[in-house]
Amino acid sequence: MREDKKEKKSNELNQEKDEILEKKEDAYKETQKMEALCQEQEDERRQREAKDQEALEAEQAKIKEKMDMDLAAKYVQRKWNWFQTEGKFLAKKRKGQEGKEI
């Protein structure tokens, strides 16, 4: 009788142990699955950030190019205005002086 109870209790404990091990294994698989999903999402986030950074750099390059073009246009405009107001007269003076020197 005591042996039966002992054996019954042992079987119950072994069965409980097997259930615990099975749950542990299931939990481990679930954990691995979640870690893989987290890693996948982290990779996607990094890719999005890289694309966003590239887009930002391209936009900044366009802005810089436009600013450079504006500066160049302003420079040319200043030179043209100078030529229209002063340069022509200086050129005429030089031309006249060259003729007198000869």
N, C-alpha and C. Protein backbone atom coordinates (compact mmCIF):
# COMPACT_ATOMS: atom_id res chain seq x y z
N MET A 1 0.82 -1.18 0.00
CA MET A 1 0.00 0.00 0.00
C MET A 1 0.88 1.27 0.00
N ARG A 2 1.85 1.22 0.87
CA ARG A 2 2.76 2.34 0.91
C ARG A 2 3.54 2.43 -0.40
N GLU A 3 3.93 1.34 -0.94
CA GLU A 3 4.65 1.30 -2.20
C GLU A 3 3.78 1.85 -3.32
N ASP A 4 2.51 1.50 -3.28
CA ASP A 4 1.58 2.00 -4.30
C ASP A 4 1.46 3.52 -4.24
N LYS A 5 1.32 4.02 -3.00
CA LYS A 5 1.22 5.48 -2.83
C LYS A 5 2.51 6.16 -3.28
N LYS A 6 3.63 5.55 -2.90
CA LYS A 6 4.93 6.10 -3.27
C LYS A 6 5.09 6.11 -4.79
N GLU A 7 4.73 5.01 -5.42
CA GLU A 7 4.83 4.91 -6.86
C GLU A 7 3.87 5.87 -7.56
N LYS A 8 2.66 5.98 -7.01
CA LYS A 8 1.67 6.90 -7.56
C LYS A 8 2.17 8.34 -7.47
N LYS A 9 2.70 8.68 -6.31
CA LYS A 9 3.22 10.03 -6.08
C LYS A 9 4.41 10.28 -7.01
N SER A 10 5.27 9.29 -7.16
CA SER A 10 6.43 9.39 -8.04
C SER A 10 5.99 9.61 -9.48
N ASN A 11 5.00 8.87 -9.91
CA ASN A 11 4.47 9.03 -11.27
C ASN A 11 3.88 10.42 -11.47
N GLU A 12 3.15 10.90 -10.46
CA GLU A 12 2.56 12.26 -10.54
C GLU A 12 3.67 13.31 -10.64
N LEU A 13 4.71 13.14 -9.83
CA LEU A 13 5.82 14.09 -9.86
C LEU A 13 6.56 14.04 -11.20
N ASN A 14 6.76 12.83 -11.72
CA ASN A 14 7.41 12.70 -13.02
C ASN A 14 6.56 13.32 -14.13
N GLN A 15 5.27 13.11 -14.03
CA GLN A 15 4.36 13.69 -15.02
C GLN A 15 4.38 15.22 -14.93
N GLU A 16 4.37 15.73 -13.70
CA GLU A 16 4.44 17.17 -13.47
C GLU A 16 5.77 17.73 -13.99
N LYS A 17 6.84 16.98 -13.73
CA LYS A 17 8.16 17.37 -14.20
C LYS A 17 8.18 17.43 -15.72
N ASP A 18 7.60 16.43 -16.38
CA ASP A 18 7.54 16.40 -17.85
C ASP A 18 6.75 17.59 -18.39
N GLU A 19 5.63 17.92 -17.72
CA GLU A 19 4.83 19.07 -18.13
C GLU A 19 5.62 20.37 -17.99
N ILE A 20 6.35 20.47 -16.88
CA ILE A 20 7.17 21.67 -16.66
C ILE A 20 8.25 21.78 -17.72
N LEU A 21 8.91 20.67 -18.01
CA LEU A 21 9.95 20.69 -19.05
C LEU A 21 9.37 21.04 -20.42
N GLU A 22 8.19 20.52 -20.70
CA GLU A 22 7.53 20.82 -21.97
C GLU A 22 7.17 22.31 -22.05
N LYS A 23 6.65 22.84 -20.95
CA LYS A 23 6.32 24.27 -20.92
C LYS A 23 7.58 25.13 -21.04
N LYS A 24 8.65 24.65 -20.41
CA LYS A 24 9.92 25.38 -20.48
C LYS A 24 10.41 25.42 -21.92
N GLU A 25 10.33 24.28 -22.60
CA GLU A 25 10.75 24.20 -23.99
C GLU A 25 9.88 25.10 -24.88
N ASP A 26 8.57 25.08 -24.64
CA ASP A 26 7.67 25.95 -25.40
C ASP A 26 7.99 27.43 -25.15
N ALA A 27 8.26 27.75 -23.89
CA ALA A 27 8.59 29.14 -23.54
C ALA A 27 9.91 29.54 -24.21
N TYR A 28 10.87 28.65 -24.24
CA TYR A 28 12.15 28.94 -24.89
C TYR A 28 11.95 29.19 -26.39
N LYS A 29 11.13 28.34 -27.03
CA LYS A 29 10.85 28.53 -28.45
C LYS A 29 10.15 29.87 -28.68
N GLU A 30 9.22 30.20 -27.82
CA GLU A 30 8.50 31.48 -27.94
C GLU A 30 9.45 32.66 -27.75
N THR A 31 10.36 32.51 -26.80
CA THR A 31 11.36 33.56 -26.56
C THR A 31 12.24 33.75 -27.78
N GLN A 32 12.70 32.64 -28.36
CA GLN A 32 13.53 32.71 -29.56
C GLN A 32 12.77 33.37 -30.71
N LYS A 33 11.52 33.03 -30.84
CA LYS A 33 10.68 33.61 -31.89
C LYS A 33 10.55 35.12 -31.69
N MET A 34 10.31 35.55 -30.46
CA MET A 34 10.17 36.98 -30.16
C MET A 34 11.49 37.72 -30.38
N GLU A 35 12.59 37.10 -30.00
CA GLU A 35 13.90 37.73 -30.22
C GLU A 35 14.17 37.90 -31.71
N ALA A 36 13.79 36.90 -32.51
CA ALA A 36 13.96 36.99 -33.96
C ALA A 36 13.11 38.12 -34.53
N LEU A 37 11.88 38.25 -34.05
CA LEU A 37 11.01 39.34 -34.51
C LEU A 37 11.59 40.70 -34.12
N CYS A 38 12.08 40.79 -32.90
CA CYS A 38 12.69 42.05 -32.44
C CYS A 38 13.90 42.41 -33.30
N GLN A 39 14.73 41.43 -33.59
CA GLN A 39 15.90 41.67 -34.43
C GLN A 39 15.49 42.10 -35.83
N GLU A 40 14.47 41.47 -36.36
CA GLU A 40 13.98 41.82 -37.69
C GLU A 40 13.46 43.26 -37.71
N GLN A 41 12.70 43.63 -36.69
CA GLN A 41 12.19 45.00 -36.62
C GLN A 41 13.32 46.01 -36.43
N GLU A 42 14.32 45.64 -35.66
CA GLU A 42 15.48 46.51 -35.45
C GLU A 42 16.21 46.72 -36.77
N ASP A 43 16.38 45.66 -37.55
CA ASP A 43 17.02 45.77 -38.86
C ASP A 43 16.21 46.67 -39.80
N GLU A 44 14.90 46.50 -39.80
CA GLU A 44 14.04 47.34 -40.63
C GLU A 44 14.15 48.80 -40.21
N ARG A 45 14.20 49.05 -38.91
CA ARG A 45 14.32 50.42 -38.40
C ARG A 45 15.64 51.04 -38.85
N ARG A 46 16.71 50.26 -38.77
CA ARG A 46 18.02 50.76 -39.21
C ARG A 46 18.01 51.09 -40.70
N GLN A 47 17.36 50.23 -41.49
CA GLN A 47 17.28 50.47 -42.93
C GLN A 47 16.49 51.74 -43.21
N ARG A 48 15.38 51.92 -42.50
CA ARG A 48 14.58 53.15 -42.67
C ARG A 48 15.39 54.38 -42.29
N GLU A 49 16.12 54.29 -41.18
CA GLU A 49 16.95 55.42 -40.75
C GLU A 49 18.02 55.73 -41.79
N ALA A 50 18.62 54.68 -42.36
CA ALA A 50 19.64 54.89 -43.39
C ALA A 50 19.05 55.57 -44.61
N LYS A 51 17.86 55.12 -45.03
CA LYS A 51 17.19 55.73 -46.18
C LYS A 51 16.82 57.18 -45.87
N ASP A 52 16.32 57.42 -44.67
CA ASP A 52 15.97 58.79 -44.27
C ASP A 52 17.22 59.68 -44.27
N GLN A 53 18.33 59.14 -43.78
CA GLN A 53 19.58 59.90 -43.74
C GLN A 53 20.05 60.23 -45.16
N GLU A 54 19.95 59.25 -46.06
CA GLU A 54 20.33 59.48 -47.45
C GLU A 54 19.46 60.55 -48.08
N ALA A 55 18.15 60.47 -47.82
CA ALA A 55 17.23 61.46 -48.37
C ALA A 55 17.55 62.85 -47.82
N LEU A 56 17.86 62.91 -46.53
CA LEU A 56 18.20 64.19 -45.92
C LEU A 56 19.49 64.76 -46.52
N GLU A 57 20.48 63.91 -46.70
CA GLU A 57 21.73 64.36 -47.30
C GLU A 57 21.52 64.83 -48.74
N ALA A 58 20.67 64.12 -49.48
CA ALA A 58 20.39 64.53 -50.86
C ALA A 58 19.68 65.89 -50.86
N GLU A 59 18.74 66.07 -49.96
CA GLU A 59 18.03 67.35 -49.86
C GLU A 59 18.98 68.48 -49.48
N GLN A 60 19.88 68.20 -48.54
CA GLN A 60 20.85 69.22 -48.14
C GLN A 60 21.80 69.54 -49.30
N ALA A 61 22.16 68.54 -50.08
CA ALA A 61 23.03 68.78 -51.24
C ALA A 61 22.31 69.67 -52.25
N LYS A 62 21.01 69.42 -52.46
CA LYS A 62 20.24 70.26 -53.38
C LYS A 62 20.18 71.70 -52.88
N ILE A 63 19.96 71.85 -51.58
CA ILE A 63 19.89 73.19 -51.00
C ILE A 63 21.23 73.90 -51.14
N LYS A 64 22.32 73.18 -50.86
CA LYS A 64 23.65 73.79 -50.99
C LYS A 64 23.94 74.17 -52.43
N GLU A 65 23.57 73.31 -53.36
CA GLU A 65 23.79 73.60 -54.77
C GLU A 65 23.00 74.86 -55.18
N LYS A 66 21.77 74.96 -54.71
CA LYS A 66 20.95 76.13 -55.02
C LYS A 66 21.57 77.39 -54.42
N MET A 67 22.06 77.29 -53.19
CA MET A 67 22.70 78.44 -52.56
C MET A 67 23.96 78.84 -53.32
N ASP A 68 24.74 77.85 -53.74
CA ASP A 68 25.94 78.14 -54.52
C ASP A 68 25.59 78.82 -55.84
N MET A 69 24.53 78.33 -56.48
CA MET A 69 24.10 78.94 -57.74
C MET A 69 23.63 80.37 -57.51
N ASP A 70 22.91 80.60 -56.42
CA ASP A 70 22.45 81.96 -56.09
C ASP A 70 23.64 82.88 -55.85
N LEU A 71 24.63 82.38 -55.11
CA LEU A 71 25.83 83.20 -54.87
C LEU A 71 26.56 83.51 -56.16
N ALA A 72 26.67 82.53 -57.03
CA ALA A 72 27.33 82.75 -58.32
C ALA A 72 26.54 83.76 -59.15
N ALA A 73 25.23 83.64 -59.15
CA ALA A 73 24.40 84.58 -59.91
C ALA A 73 24.55 86.00 -59.36
N LYS A 74 24.60 86.13 -58.04
CA LYS A 74 24.77 87.45 -57.43
C LYS A 74 26.14 88.02 -57.80
N TYR A 75 27.16 87.20 -57.80
CA TYR A 75 28.51 87.63 -58.16
C TYR A 75 28.52 88.15 -59.60
N VAL A 76 27.94 87.37 -60.51
CA VAL A 76 27.91 87.76 -61.92
C VAL A 76 27.10 89.05 -62.07
N GLN A 77 26.00 89.14 -61.35
CA GLN A 77 25.17 90.35 -61.43
C GLN A 77 25.93 91.57 -60.93
N ARG A 78 26.68 91.44 -59.83
CA ARG A 78 27.49 92.56 -59.32
C ARG A 78 28.54 92.97 -60.34
N LYS A 79 29.21 91.97 -60.93
CA LYS A 79 30.22 92.28 -61.94
C LYS A 79 29.60 92.97 -63.15
N TRP A 80 28.45 92.50 -63.56
CA TRP A 80 27.77 93.10 -64.70
C TRP A 80 27.37 94.54 -64.38
N ASN A 81 26.83 94.74 -63.19
CA ASN A 81 26.45 96.10 -62.79
C ASN A 81 27.69 97.01 -62.73
N TRP A 82 28.78 96.49 -62.20
CA TRP A 82 30.01 97.28 -62.14
C TRP A 82 30.47 97.65 -63.55
N PHE A 83 30.42 96.65 -64.43
CA PHE A 83 30.85 96.89 -65.81
C PHE A 83 29.96 97.94 -66.46
N GLN A 84 28.65 97.85 -66.24
CA GLN A 84 27.72 98.80 -66.84
C GLN A 84 27.94 100.21 -66.33
N THR A 85 28.29 100.34 -65.03
CA THR A 85 28.44 101.68 -64.46
C THR A 85 29.86 102.23 -64.57
N GLU A 86 30.88 101.42 -64.31
CA GLU A 86 32.25 101.92 -64.25
C GLU A 86 33.17 101.32 -65.30
N GLY A 87 32.99 100.09 -65.59
CA GLY A 87 33.92 99.36 -66.46
C GLY A 87 34.00 99.92 -67.86
N LYS A 88 32.86 100.33 -68.41
CA LYS A 88 32.87 100.88 -69.76
C LYS A 88 33.72 102.15 -69.85
N PHE A 89 33.58 102.99 -68.84
CA PHE A 89 34.32 104.24 -68.84
C PHE A 89 35.82 103.99 -68.68
N LEU A 90 36.16 103.02 -67.82
CA LEU A 90 37.57 102.69 -67.66
C LEU A 90 38.15 102.14 -68.96
N ALA A 91 37.37 101.32 -69.64
CA ALA A 91 37.84 100.74 -70.91
C ALA A 91 38.04 101.84 -71.94
N LYS A 92 37.14 102.83 -71.99
CA LYS A 92 37.28 103.94 -72.94
C LYS A 92 38.51 104.77 -72.62
N LYS A 93 38.75 105.00 -71.32
CA LYS A 93 39.93 105.78 -70.92
C LYS A 93 41.20 105.05 -71.35
N ARG A 94 41.26 103.75 -71.11
CA ARG A 94 42.44 102.98 -71.48
C ARG A 94 42.64 102.99 -72.99
N LYS A 95 41.54 102.85 -73.72
CA LYS A 95 41.64 102.81 -75.16
C LYS A 95 42.17 104.14 -75.67
N GLY A 96 41.68 105.20 -75.06
CA GLY A 96 42.15 106.53 -75.45
C GLY A 96 43.60 106.74 -75.07
N GLN A 97 44.04 106.24 -73.93
CA GLN A 97 45.42 106.40 -73.49
C GLN A 97 46.36 105.60 -74.38
N GLU A 98 45.94 104.42 -74.82
CA GLU A 98 46.79 103.59 -75.66
C GLU A 98 47.04 104.30 -76.98
N GLY A 99 46.04 104.97 -77.50
CA GLY A 99 46.19 105.68 -78.76
C GLY A 99 47.16 106.83 -78.63
N LYS A 100 47.21 107.50 -77.50
CA LYS A 100 48.09 108.66 -77.29
C LYS A 100 49.54 108.22 -77.10
N GLU A 101 49.73 107.03 -76.52
CA GLU A 101 51.09 106.56 -76.23
C GLU A 101 51.85 106.24 -77.49
N ILE A 102 51.21 105.81 -78.50
CA ILE A 102 51.88 105.37 -79.73
C ILE A 102 52.39 106.52 -80.49
